[in-house]
Amino acid sequence: ADSVETVLAWAGTPLATAEVAEVCEISRGDAREQLGRVAHERHVG
């Protein structure tokens, strides 16, 4: 996937940082930073 927005729109359900990172083939840290710009988080653990 070319962006975290693309992954969230495709999934149609809330995703964890690790899931988005795996689909984008990027690190969890990079995914979390990018997600923080475009998405809302329901915090768990």
ModelCIF file with pLDDT and N, C-alpha, C, O atoms, coordinates in Angstrom:
data_MODEL
#
_entry.id   MODEL 
#
_entity.id                         1 
_entity.type                       polymer 
_entity.pdbx_number_of_molecules   1 
#
_entity_poly.entity_id                      1 
_entity_poly.type                           'polypeptide(L)' 
_entity_poly.nstd_linkage                   no 
_entity_poly.nstd_monomer                   no 
_entity_poly.pdbx_seq_one_letter_code       ADSVETVLAWAGTPLATAEVAEVCEISRGDAREQLGRVAHERHVG 
_entity_poly.pdbx_seq_one_letter_code_can   ADSVETVLAWAGTPLATAEVAEVCEISRGDAREQLGRVAHERHVG 
_entity_poly.pdbx_strand_id                 A 
#
loop_
_entity_poly_seq.entity_id 
_entity_poly_seq.num 
_entity_poly_seq.mon_id 
_entity_poly_seq.hetero 
1 1  ALA n 
1 2  ASP n 
1 3  SER n 
1 4  VAL n 
1 5  GLU n 
1 6  THR n 
1 7  VAL n 
1 8  LEU n 
1 9  ALA n 
1 10 TRP n 
1 11 ALA n 
1 12 GLY n 
1 13 THR n 
1 14 PRO n 
1 15 LEU n 
1 16 ALA n 
1 17 THR n 
1 18 ALA n 
1 19 GLU n 
1 20 VAL n 
1 21 ALA n 
1 22 GLU n 
1 23 VAL n 
1 24 CYS n 
1 25 GLU n 
1 26 ILE n 
1 27 SER n 
1 28 ARG n 
1 29 GLY n 
1 30 ASP n 
1 31 ALA n 
1 32 ARG n 
1 33 GLU n 
1 34 GLN n 
1 35 LEU n 
1 36 GLY n 
1 37 ARG n 
1 38 VAL n 
1 39 ALA n 
1 40 HIS n 
1 41 GLU n 
1 42 ARG n 
1 43 HIS n 
1 44 VAL n 
1 45 GLY n 
#
_struct_asym.id          A 
_struct_asym.entity_id   1 
#
loop_
_ma_qa_metric.id 
_ma_qa_metric.mode 
_ma_qa_metric.name 
_ma_qa_metric.software_group_id 
_ma_qa_metric.type 
1 global pLDDT . pLDDT 
2 local  pLDDT . pLDDT 
#
_ma_qa_metric_global.metric_id      1 
_ma_qa_metric_global.metric_value   97.38 
_ma_qa_metric_global.model_id       1 
_ma_qa_metric_global.ordinal_id     1 
#
loop_
_ma_qa_metric_local.label_asym_id 
_ma_qa_metric_local.label_comp_id 
_ma_qa_metric_local.label_seq_id 
_ma_qa_metric_local.metric_id 
_ma_qa_metric_local.metric_value 
_ma_qa_metric_local.model_id 
_ma_qa_metric_local.ordinal_id 
A ALA 1  2 97.00 1 1  
A ASP 2  2 96.00 1 2  
A SER 3  2 98.00 1 3  
A VAL 4  2 98.00 1 4  
A GLU 5  2 97.00 1 5  
A THR 6  2 98.00 1 6  
A VAL 7  2 98.00 1 7  
A LEU 8  2 98.00 1 8  
A ALA 9  2 97.00 1 9  
A TRP 10 2 97.00 1 10 
A ALA 11 2 96.00 1 11 
A GLY 12 2 90.00 1 12 
A THR 13 2 94.00 1 13 
A PRO 14 2 97.00 1 14 
A LEU 15 2 98.00 1 15 
A ALA 16 2 98.00 1 16 
A THR 17 2 98.00 1 17 
A ALA 18 2 98.00 1 18 
A GLU 19 2 98.00 1 19 
A VAL 20 2 98.00 1 20 
A ALA 21 2 98.00 1 21 
A GLU 22 2 98.00 1 22 
A VAL 23 2 98.00 1 23 
A CYS 24 2 98.00 1 24 
A GLU 25 2 98.00 1 25 
A ILE 26 2 98.00 1 26 
A SER 27 2 98.00 1 27 
A ARG 28 2 97.00 1 28 
A GLY 29 2 97.00 1 29 
A ASP 30 2 98.00 1 30 
A ALA 31 2 98.00 1 31 
A ARG 32 2 98.00 1 32 
A GLU 33 2 98.00 1 33 
A GLN 34 2 98.00 1 34 
A LEU 35 2 98.00 1 35 
A GLY 36 2 97.00 1 36 
A ARG 37 2 97.00 1 37 
A VAL 38 2 97.00 1 38 
A ALA 39 2 98.00 1 39 
A HIS 40 2 98.00 1 40 
A GLU 41 2 98.00 1 41 
A ARG 42 2 98.00 1 42 
A HIS 43 2 97.00 1 43 
A VAL 44 2 98.00 1 44 
A GLY 45 2 97.00 1 45 
#
loop_
_atom_site.group_PDB 
_atom_site.id 
_atom_site.type_symbol 
_atom_site.label_atom_id 
_atom_site.label_alt_id 
_atom_site.label_comp_id 
_atom_site.label_asym_id 
_atom_site.label_entity_id 
_atom_site.label_seq_id 
_atom_site.pdbx_PDB_ins_code 
_atom_site.Cartn_x 
_atom_site.Cartn_y 
_atom_site.Cartn_z 
_atom_site.occupancy 
_atom_site.B_iso_or_equiv 
_atom_site.pdbx_formal_charge 
_atom_site.auth_seq_id 
_atom_site.auth_comp_id 
_atom_site.auth_asym_id 
_atom_site.auth_atom_id 
_atom_site.pdbx_PDB_model_num 
ATOM 1   N N  . ALA A 1 1  ? 0.836   -1.198 0.000  1.00 97.00 ? 1  ALA A N  1 
ATOM 2   C CA . ALA A 1 1  ? 0.000   0.000  0.000  1.00 97.00 ? 1  ALA A CA 1 
ATOM 3   C C  . ALA A 1 1  ? 0.872   1.250  0.000  1.00 97.00 ? 1  ALA A C  1 
ATOM 4   O O  . ALA A 1 1  ? 1.936   1.277  0.619  1.00 97.00 ? 1  ALA A O  1 
ATOM 5   N N  . ASP A 1 2  ? 0.408   2.287  -0.704 1.00 96.00 ? 2  ASP A N  1 
ATOM 6   C CA . ASP A 1 2  ? 1.222   3.489  -0.854 1.00 96.00 ? 2  ASP A CA 1 
ATOM 7   C C  . ASP A 1 2  ? 1.004   4.517  0.244  1.00 96.00 ? 2  ASP A C  1 
ATOM 8   O O  . ASP A 1 2  ? 1.743   5.499  0.316  1.00 96.00 ? 2  ASP A O  1 
ATOM 9   N N  . SER A 1 3  ? -0.004  4.314  1.110  1.00 98.00 ? 3  SER A N  1 
ATOM 10  C CA . SER A 1 3  ? -0.237  5.264  2.201  1.00 98.00 ? 3  SER A CA 1 
ATOM 11  C C  . SER A 1 3  ? -1.063  4.601  3.286  1.00 98.00 ? 3  SER A C  1 
ATOM 12  O O  . SER A 1 3  ? -1.770  3.624  3.037  1.00 98.00 ? 3  SER A O  1 
ATOM 13  N N  . VAL A 1 4  ? -0.967  5.142  4.492  1.00 98.00 ? 4  VAL A N  1 
ATOM 14  C CA . VAL A 1 4  ? -1.772  4.593  5.589  1.00 98.00 ? 4  VAL A CA 1 
ATOM 15  C C  . VAL A 1 4  ? -3.246  4.909  5.369  1.00 98.00 ? 4  VAL A C  1 
ATOM 16  O O  . VAL A 1 4  ? -4.110  4.134  5.780  1.00 98.00 ? 4  VAL A O  1 
ATOM 17  N N  . GLU A 1 5  ? -3.551  6.047  4.719  1.00 97.00 ? 5  GLU A N  1 
ATOM 18  C CA . GLU A 1 5  ? -4.960  6.364  4.427  1.00 97.00 ? 5  GLU A CA 1 
ATOM 19  C C  . GLU A 1 5  ? -5.578  5.307  3.521  1.00 97.00 ? 5  GLU A C  1 
ATOM 20  O O  . GLU A 1 5  ? -6.721  4.894  3.718  1.00 97.00 ? 5  GLU A O  1 
ATOM 21  N N  . THR A 1 6  ? -4.806  4.874  2.523  1.00 98.00 ? 6  THR A N  1 
ATOM 22  C CA . THR A 1 6  ? -5.295  3.850  1.605  1.00 98.00 ? 6  THR A CA 1 
ATOM 23  C C  . THR A 1 6  ? -5.653  2.570  2.357  1.00 98.00 ? 6  THR A C  1 
ATOM 24  O O  . THR A 1 6  ? -6.673  1.943  2.071  1.00 98.00 ? 6  THR A O  1 
ATOM 25  N N  . VAL A 1 7  ? -4.818  2.187  3.311  1.00 98.00 ? 7  VAL A N  1 
ATOM 26  C CA . VAL A 1 7  ? -5.057  0.955  4.060  1.00 98.00 ? 7  VAL A CA 1 
ATOM 27  C C  . VAL A 1 7  ? -6.311  1.071  4.913  1.00 98.00 ? 7  VAL A C  1 
ATOM 28  O O  . VAL A 1 7  ? -7.135  0.156  4.918  1.00 98.00 ? 7  VAL A O  1 
ATOM 29  N N  . LEU A 1 8  ? -6.474  2.170  5.630  1.00 98.00 ? 8  LEU A N  1 
ATOM 30  C CA . LEU A 1 8  ? -7.651  2.328  6.489  1.00 98.00 ? 8  LEU A CA 1 
ATOM 31  C C  . LEU A 1 8  ? -8.936  2.382  5.668  1.00 98.00 ? 8  LEU A C  1 
ATOM 32  O O  . LEU A 1 8  ? -9.953  1.820  6.073  1.00 98.00 ? 8  LEU A O  1 
ATOM 33  N N  . ALA A 1 9  ? -8.898  3.046  4.533  1.00 97.00 ? 9  ALA A N  1 
ATOM 34  C CA . ALA A 1 9  ? -10.087 3.110  3.684  1.00 97.00 ? 9  ALA A CA 1 
ATOM 35  C C  . ALA A 1 9  ? -10.424 1.742  3.110  1.00 97.00 ? 9  ALA A C  1 
ATOM 36  O O  . ALA A 1 9  ? -11.596 1.386  2.992  1.00 97.00 ? 9  ALA A O  1 
ATOM 37  N N  . TRP A 1 10 ? -9.407  0.982  2.756  1.00 97.00 ? 10 TRP A N  1 
ATOM 38  C CA . TRP A 1 10 ? -9.615  -0.362 2.211  1.00 97.00 ? 10 TRP A CA 1 
ATOM 39  C C  . TRP A 1 10 ? -10.166 -1.324 3.251  1.00 97.00 ? 10 TRP A C  1 
ATOM 40  O O  . TRP A 1 10 ? -11.058 -2.118 2.956  1.00 97.00 ? 10 TRP A O  1 
ATOM 41  N N  . ALA A 1 11 ? -9.641  -1.254 4.454  1.00 96.00 ? 11 ALA A N  1 
ATOM 42  C CA . ALA A 1 11 ? -10.006 -2.235 5.485  1.00 96.00 ? 11 ALA A CA 1 
ATOM 43  C C  . ALA A 1 11 ? -11.460 -2.105 5.907  1.00 96.00 ? 11 ALA A C  1 
ATOM 44  O O  . ALA A 1 11 ? -12.123 -3.115 6.141  1.00 96.00 ? 11 ALA A O  1 
ATOM 45  N N  . GLY A 1 12 ? -11.963 -0.895 6.007  1.00 90.00 ? 12 GLY A N  1 
ATOM 46  C CA . GLY A 1 12 ? -13.343 -0.697 6.425  1.00 90.00 ? 12 GLY A CA 1 
ATOM 47  C C  . GLY A 1 12 ? -13.600 -1.012 7.878  1.00 90.00 ? 12 GLY A C  1 
ATOM 48  O O  . GLY A 1 12 ? -14.752 -1.123 8.298  1.00 90.00 ? 12 GLY A O  1 
ATOM 49  N N  . THR A 1 13 ? -12.534 -1.158 8.655  1.00 94.00 ? 13 THR A N  1 
ATOM 50  C CA . THR A 1 13 ? -12.651 -1.432 10.083 1.00 94.00 ? 13 THR A CA 1 
ATOM 51  C C  . THR A 1 13 ? -11.429 -0.852 10.772 1.00 94.00 ? 13 THR A C  1 
ATOM 52  O O  . THR A 1 13 ? -10.376 -0.756 10.140 1.00 94.00 ? 13 THR A O  1 
ATOM 53  N N  . PRO A 1 14 ? -11.516 -0.461 12.038 1.00 97.00 ? 14 PRO A N  1 
ATOM 54  C CA . PRO A 1 14 ? -10.328 0.076  12.714 1.00 97.00 ? 14 PRO A CA 1 
ATOM 55  C C  . PRO A 1 14 ? -9.183  -0.933 12.722 1.00 97.00 ? 14 PRO A C  1 
ATOM 56  O O  . PRO A 1 14 ? -9.392  -2.130 12.921 1.00 97.00 ? 14 PRO A O  1 
ATOM 57  N N  . LEU A 1 15 ? -7.982  -0.434 12.504 1.00 98.00 ? 15 LEU A N  1 
ATOM 58  C CA . LEU A 1 15 ? -6.794  -1.283 12.449 1.00 98.00 ? 15 LEU A CA 1 
ATOM 59  C C  . LEU A 1 15 ? -5.762  -0.827 13.466 1.00 98.00 ? 15 LEU A C  1 
ATOM 60  O O  . LEU A 1 15 ? -5.690  0.350  13.818 1.00 98.00 ? 15 LEU A O  1 
ATOM 61  N N  . ALA A 1 16 ? -4.969  -1.778 13.927 1.00 98.00 ? 16 ALA A N  1 
ATOM 62  C CA . ALA A 1 16 ? -3.845  -1.473 14.804 1.00 98.00 ? 16 ALA A CA 1 
ATOM 63  C C  . ALA A 1 16 ? -2.678  -0.931 13.987 1.00 98.00 ? 16 ALA A C  1 
ATOM 64  O O  . ALA A 1 16 ? -2.585  -1.159 12.781 1.00 98.00 ? 16 ALA A O  1 
ATOM 65  N N  . THR A 1 17 ? -1.799  -0.218 14.661 1.00 98.00 ? 17 THR A N  1 
ATOM 66  C CA . THR A 1 17 ? -0.601  0.302  13.998 1.00 98.00 ? 17 THR A CA 1 
ATOM 67  C C  . THR A 1 17 ? 0.171   -0.817 13.306 1.00 98.00 ? 17 THR A C  1 
ATOM 68  O O  . THR A 1 17 ? 0.621   -0.658 12.172 1.00 98.00 ? 17 THR A O  1 
ATOM 69  N N  . ALA A 1 18 ? 0.321   -1.953 13.998 1.00 98.00 ? 18 ALA A N  1 
ATOM 70  C CA . ALA A 1 18 ? 1.093   -3.062 13.435 1.00 98.00 ? 18 ALA A CA 1 
ATOM 71  C C  . ALA A 1 18 ? 0.467   -3.592 12.156 1.00 98.00 ? 18 ALA A C  1 
ATOM 72  O O  . ALA A 1 18 ? 1.188   -4.007 11.248 1.00 98.00 ? 18 ALA A O  1 
ATOM 73  N N  . GLU A 1 19 ? -0.842  -3.589 12.065 1.00 98.00 ? 19 GLU A N  1 
ATOM 74  C CA . GLU A 1 19 ? -1.510  -4.073 10.859 1.00 98.00 ? 19 GLU A CA 1 
ATOM 75  C C  . GLU A 1 19 ? -1.272  -3.134 9.691  1.00 98.00 ? 19 GLU A C  1 
ATOM 76  O O  . GLU A 1 19 ? -0.963  -3.575 8.584  1.00 98.00 ? 19 GLU A O  1 
ATOM 77  N N  . VAL A 1 20 ? -1.414  -1.840 9.938  1.00 98.00 ? 20 VAL A N  1 
ATOM 78  C CA . VAL A 1 20 ? -1.169  -0.857 8.881  1.00 98.00 ? 20 VAL A CA 1 
ATOM 79  C C  . VAL A 1 20 ? 0.287   -0.927 8.418  1.00 98.00 ? 20 VAL A C  1 
ATOM 80  O O  . VAL A 1 20 ? 0.569   -0.885 7.220  1.00 98.00 ? 20 VAL A O  1 
ATOM 81  N N  . ALA A 1 21 ? 1.202   -1.035 9.373  1.00 98.00 ? 21 ALA A N  1 
ATOM 82  C CA . ALA A 1 21 ? 2.619   -1.118 9.035  1.00 98.00 ? 21 ALA A CA 1 
ATOM 83  C C  . ALA A 1 21 ? 2.911   -2.327 8.163  1.00 98.00 ? 21 ALA A C  1 
ATOM 84  O O  . ALA A 1 21 ? 3.684   -2.229 7.210  1.00 98.00 ? 21 ALA A O  1 
ATOM 85  N N  . GLU A 1 22 ? 2.306   -3.461 8.474  1.00 98.00 ? 22 GLU A N  1 
ATOM 86  C CA . GLU A 1 22 ? 2.558   -4.688 7.707  1.00 98.00 ? 22 GLU A CA 1 
ATOM 87  C C  . GLU A 1 22 ? 2.062   -4.550 6.274  1.00 98.00 ? 22 GLU A C  1 
ATOM 88  O O  . GLU A 1 22 ? 2.743   -4.976 5.341  1.00 98.00 ? 22 GLU A O  1 
ATOM 89  N N  . VAL A 1 23 ? 0.896   -3.965 6.089  1.00 98.00 ? 23 VAL A N  1 
ATOM 90  C CA . VAL A 1 23 ? 0.352   -3.821 4.739  1.00 98.00 ? 23 VAL A CA 1 
ATOM 91  C C  . VAL A 1 23 ? 1.168   -2.814 3.929  1.00 98.00 ? 23 VAL A C  1 
ATOM 92  O O  . VAL A 1 23 ? 1.370   -2.998 2.729  1.00 98.00 ? 23 VAL A O  1 
ATOM 93  N N  . CYS A 1 24 ? 1.636   -1.748 4.586  1.00 98.00 ? 24 CYS A N  1 
ATOM 94  C CA . CYS A 1 24 ? 2.457   -0.743 3.904  1.00 98.00 ? 24 CYS A CA 1 
ATOM 95  C C  . CYS A 1 24 ? 3.922   -1.170 3.779  1.00 98.00 ? 24 CYS A C  1 
ATOM 96  O O  . CYS A 1 24 ? 4.689   -0.560 3.034  1.00 98.00 ? 24 CYS A O  1 
ATOM 97  N N  . GLU A 1 25 ? 4.303   -2.214 4.508  1.00 98.00 ? 25 GLU A N  1 
ATOM 98  C CA . GLU A 1 25 ? 5.695   -2.682 4.556  1.00 98.00 ? 25 GLU A CA 1 
ATOM 99  C C  . GLU A 1 25 ? 6.631   -1.575 5.037  1.00 98.00 ? 25 GLU A C  1 
ATOM 100 O O  . GLU A 1 25 ? 7.667   -1.301 4.433  1.00 98.00 ? 25 GLU A O  1 
ATOM 101 N N  . ILE A 1 26 ? 6.230   -0.946 6.148  1.00 98.00 ? 26 ILE A N  1 
ATOM 102 C CA . ILE A 1 26 ? 7.036   0.069  6.810  1.00 98.00 ? 26 ILE A CA 1 
ATOM 103 C C  . ILE A 1 26 ? 7.127   -0.286 8.287  1.00 98.00 ? 26 ILE A C  1 
ATOM 104 O O  . ILE A 1 26 ? 6.452   -1.209 8.743  1.00 98.00 ? 26 ILE A O  1 
ATOM 105 N N  . SER A 1 27 ? 7.954   0.434  9.041  1.00 98.00 ? 27 SER A N  1 
ATOM 106 C CA . SER A 1 27 ? 8.093   0.150  10.463 1.00 98.00 ? 27 SER A CA 1 
ATOM 107 C C  . SER A 1 27 ? 6.855   0.610  11.224 1.00 98.00 ? 27 SER A C  1 
ATOM 108 O O  . SER A 1 27 ? 6.109   1.469  10.754 1.00 98.00 ? 27 SER A O  1 
ATOM 109 N N  . ARG A 1 28 ? 6.645   0.028  12.411 1.00 97.00 ? 28 ARG A N  1 
ATOM 110 C CA . ARG A 1 28 ? 5.520   0.465  13.245 1.00 97.00 ? 28 ARG A CA 1 
ATOM 111 C C  . ARG A 1 28 ? 5.679   1.930  13.639 1.00 97.00 ? 28 ARG A C  1 
ATOM 112 O O  . ARG A 1 28 ? 4.692   2.662  13.707 1.00 97.00 ? 28 ARG A O  1 
ATOM 113 N N  . GLY A 1 29 ? 6.912   2.362  13.898 1.00 97.00 ? 29 GLY A N  1 
ATOM 114 C CA . GLY A 1 29 ? 7.133   3.754  14.257 1.00 97.00 ? 29 GLY A CA 1 
ATOM 115 C C  . GLY A 1 29 ? 6.737   4.703  13.146 1.00 97.00 ? 29 GLY A C  1 
ATOM 116 O O  . GLY A 1 29 ? 6.082   5.715  13.396 1.00 97.00 ? 29 GLY A O  1 
ATOM 117 N N  . ASP A 1 30 ? 7.131   4.383  11.906 1.00 98.00 ? 30 ASP A N  1 
ATOM 118 C CA . ASP A 1 30 ? 6.755   5.228  10.773 1.00 98.00 ? 30 ASP A CA 1 
ATOM 119 C C  . ASP A 1 30 ? 5.243   5.209  10.559 1.00 98.00 ? 30 ASP A C  1 
ATOM 120 O O  . ASP A 1 30 ? 4.635   6.240  10.274 1.00 98.00 ? 30 ASP A O  1 
ATOM 121 N N  . ALA A 1 31 ? 4.643   4.024  10.699 1.00 98.00 ? 31 ALA A N  1 
ATOM 122 C CA . ALA A 1 31 ? 3.193   3.930  10.512 1.00 98.00 ? 31 ALA A CA 1 
ATOM 123 C C  . ALA A 1 31 ? 2.455   4.764  11.551 1.00 98.00 ? 31 ALA A C  1 
ATOM 124 O O  . ALA A 1 31 ? 1.500   5.471  11.229 1.00 98.00 ? 31 ALA A O  1 
ATOM 125 N N  . ARG A 1 32 ? 2.905   4.677  12.797 1.00 98.00 ? 32 ARG A N  1 
ATOM 126 C CA . ARG A 1 32 ? 2.234   5.429  13.858 1.00 98.00 ? 32 ARG A CA 1 
ATOM 127 C C  . ARG A 1 32 ? 2.338   6.935  13.621 1.00 98.00 ? 32 ARG A C  1 
ATOM 128 O O  . ARG A 1 32 ? 1.372   7.668  13.831 1.00 98.00 ? 32 ARG A O  1 
ATOM 129 N N  . GLU A 1 33 ? 3.511   7.392  13.182 1.00 98.00 ? 33 GLU A N  1 
ATOM 130 C CA . GLU A 1 33 ? 3.669   8.822  12.908 1.00 98.00 ? 33 GLU A CA 1 
ATOM 131 C C  . GLU A 1 33 ? 2.725   9.271  11.785 1.00 98.00 ? 33 GLU A C  1 
ATOM 132 O O  . GLU A 1 33 ? 2.086   10.319 11.882 1.00 98.00 ? 33 GLU A O  1 
ATOM 133 N N  . GLN A 1 34 ? 2.646   8.468  10.723 1.00 98.00 ? 34 GLN A N  1 
ATOM 134 C CA . GLN A 1 34 ? 1.780   8.833  9.605  1.00 98.00 ? 34 GLN A CA 1 
ATOM 135 C C  . GLN A 1 34 ? 0.304   8.746  9.986  1.00 98.00 ? 34 GLN A C  1 
ATOM 136 O O  . GLN A 1 34 ? -0.491  9.593  9.579  1.00 98.00 ? 34 GLN A O  1 
ATOM 137 N N  . LEU A 1 35 ? -0.063  7.741  10.756 1.00 98.00 ? 35 LEU A N  1 
ATOM 138 C CA . LEU A 1 35 ? -1.445  7.608  11.191 1.00 98.00 ? 35 LEU A CA 1 
ATOM 139 C C  . LEU A 1 35 ? -1.876  8.796  12.055 1.00 98.00 ? 35 LEU A C  1 
ATOM 140 O O  . LEU A 1 35 ? -3.014  9.257  11.970 1.00 98.00 ? 35 LEU A O  1 
ATOM 141 N N  . GLY A 1 36 ? -0.958  9.280  12.883 1.00 97.00 ? 36 GLY A N  1 
ATOM 142 C CA . GLY A 1 36 ? -1.275  10.406 13.749 1.00 97.00 ? 36 GLY A CA 1 
ATOM 143 C C  . GLY A 1 36 ? -1.655  11.658 12.996 1.00 97.00 ? 36 GLY A C  1 
ATOM 144 O O  . GLY A 1 36 ? -2.300  12.543 13.558 1.00 97.00 ? 36 GLY A O  1 
ATOM 145 N N  . ARG A 1 37 ? -1.269  11.753 11.729 1.00 97.00 ? 37 ARG A N  1 
ATOM 146 C CA . ARG A 1 37 ? -1.588  12.934 10.926 1.00 97.00 ? 37 ARG A CA 1 
ATOM 147 C C  . ARG A 1 37 ? -2.971  12.859 10.283 1.00 97.00 ? 37 ARG A C  1 
ATOM 148 O O  . ARG A 1 37 ? -3.560  13.888 9.954  1.00 97.00 ? 37 ARG A O  1 
ATOM 149 N N  . VAL A 1 38 ? -3.494  11.634 10.103 1.00 97.00 ? 38 VAL A N  1 
ATOM 150 C CA . VAL A 1 38 ? -4.708  11.504 9.281  1.00 97.00 ? 38 VAL A CA 1 
ATOM 151 C C  . VAL A 1 38 ? -5.831  10.715 9.943  1.00 97.00 ? 38 VAL A C  1 
ATOM 152 O O  . VAL A 1 38 ? -6.925  10.620 9.388  1.00 97.00 ? 38 VAL A O  1 
ATOM 153 N N  . ALA A 1 39 ? -5.577  10.147 11.125 1.00 98.00 ? 39 ALA A N  1 
ATOM 154 C CA . ALA A 1 39 ? -6.563  9.232  11.711 1.00 98.00 ? 39 ALA A CA 1 
ATOM 155 C C  . ALA A 1 39 ? -6.721  9.474  13.204 1.00 98.00 ? 39 ALA A C  1 
ATOM 156 O O  . ALA A 1 39 ? -5.877  10.097 13.848 1.00 98.00 ? 39 ALA A O  1 
ATOM 157 N N  . HIS A 1 40 ? -7.828  8.961  13.736 1.00 98.00 ? 40 HIS A N  1 
ATOM 158 C CA . HIS A 1 40 ? -8.093  9.006  15.176 1.00 98.00 ? 40 HIS A CA 1 
ATOM 159 C C  . HIS A 1 40 ? -7.801  7.633  15.771 1.00 98.00 ? 40 HIS A C  1 
ATOM 160 O O  . HIS A 1 40 ? -8.038  6.608  15.131 1.00 98.00 ? 40 HIS A O  1 
ATOM 161 N N  . GLU A 1 41 ? -7.287  7.620  16.997 1.00 98.00 ? 41 GLU A N  1 
ATOM 162 C CA . GLU A 1 41 ? -6.925  6.372  17.668 1.00 98.00 ? 41 GLU A CA 1 
ATOM 163 C C  . GLU A 1 41 ? -7.828  6.125  18.865 1.00 98.00 ? 41 GLU A C  1 
ATOM 164 O O  . GLU A 1 41 ? -8.055  7.015  19.684 1.00 98.00 ? 41 GLU A O  1 
ATOM 165 N N  . ARG A 1 42 ? -8.347  4.882  18.957 1.00 98.00 ? 42 ARG A N  1 
ATOM 166 C CA . ARG A 1 42 ? -8.985  4.427  20.191 1.00 98.00 ? 42 ARG A CA 1 
ATOM 167 C C  . ARG A 1 42 ? -7.933  3.653  20.957 1.00 98.00 ? 42 ARG A C  1 
ATOM 168 O O  . ARG A 1 42 ? -7.555  2.546  20.576 1.00 98.00 ? 42 ARG A O  1 
ATOM 169 N N  . HIS A 1 43 ? -7.469  4.245  22.034 1.00 97.00 ? 43 HIS A N  1 
ATOM 170 C CA . HIS A 1 43 ? -6.319  3.705  22.750 1.00 97.00 ? 43 HIS A CA 1 
ATOM 171 C C  . HIS A 1 43 ? -6.674  2.398  23.461 1.00 97.00 ? 43 HIS A C  1 
ATOM 172 O O  . HIS A 1 43 ? -7.693  2.307  24.145 1.00 97.00 ? 43 HIS A O  1 
ATOM 173 N N  . VAL A 1 44 ? -5.818  1.393  23.289 1.00 98.00 ? 44 VAL A N  1 
ATOM 174 C CA . VAL A 1 44 ? -5.923  0.116  24.001 1.00 98.00 ? 44 VAL A CA 1 
ATOM 175 C C  . VAL A 1 44 ? -4.505  -0.340 24.331 1.00 98.00 ? 44 VAL A C  1 
ATOM 176 O O  . VAL A 1 44 ? -3.665  -0.453 23.438 1.00 98.00 ? 44 VAL A O  1 
ATOM 177 N N  . GLY A 1 45 ? -4.238  -0.600 25.602 1.00 97.00 ? 45 GLY A N  1 
ATOM 178 C CA . GLY A 1 45 ? -2.907  -1.034 25.981 1.00 97.00 ? 45 GLY A CA 1 
ATOM 179 C C  . GLY A 1 45 ? -1.867  -0.004 25.592 1.00 97.00 ? 45 GLY A C  1 
ATOM 180 O O  . GLY A 1 45 ? -0.678  -0.205 25.837 1.00 97.00 ? 45 GLY A O  1 
#
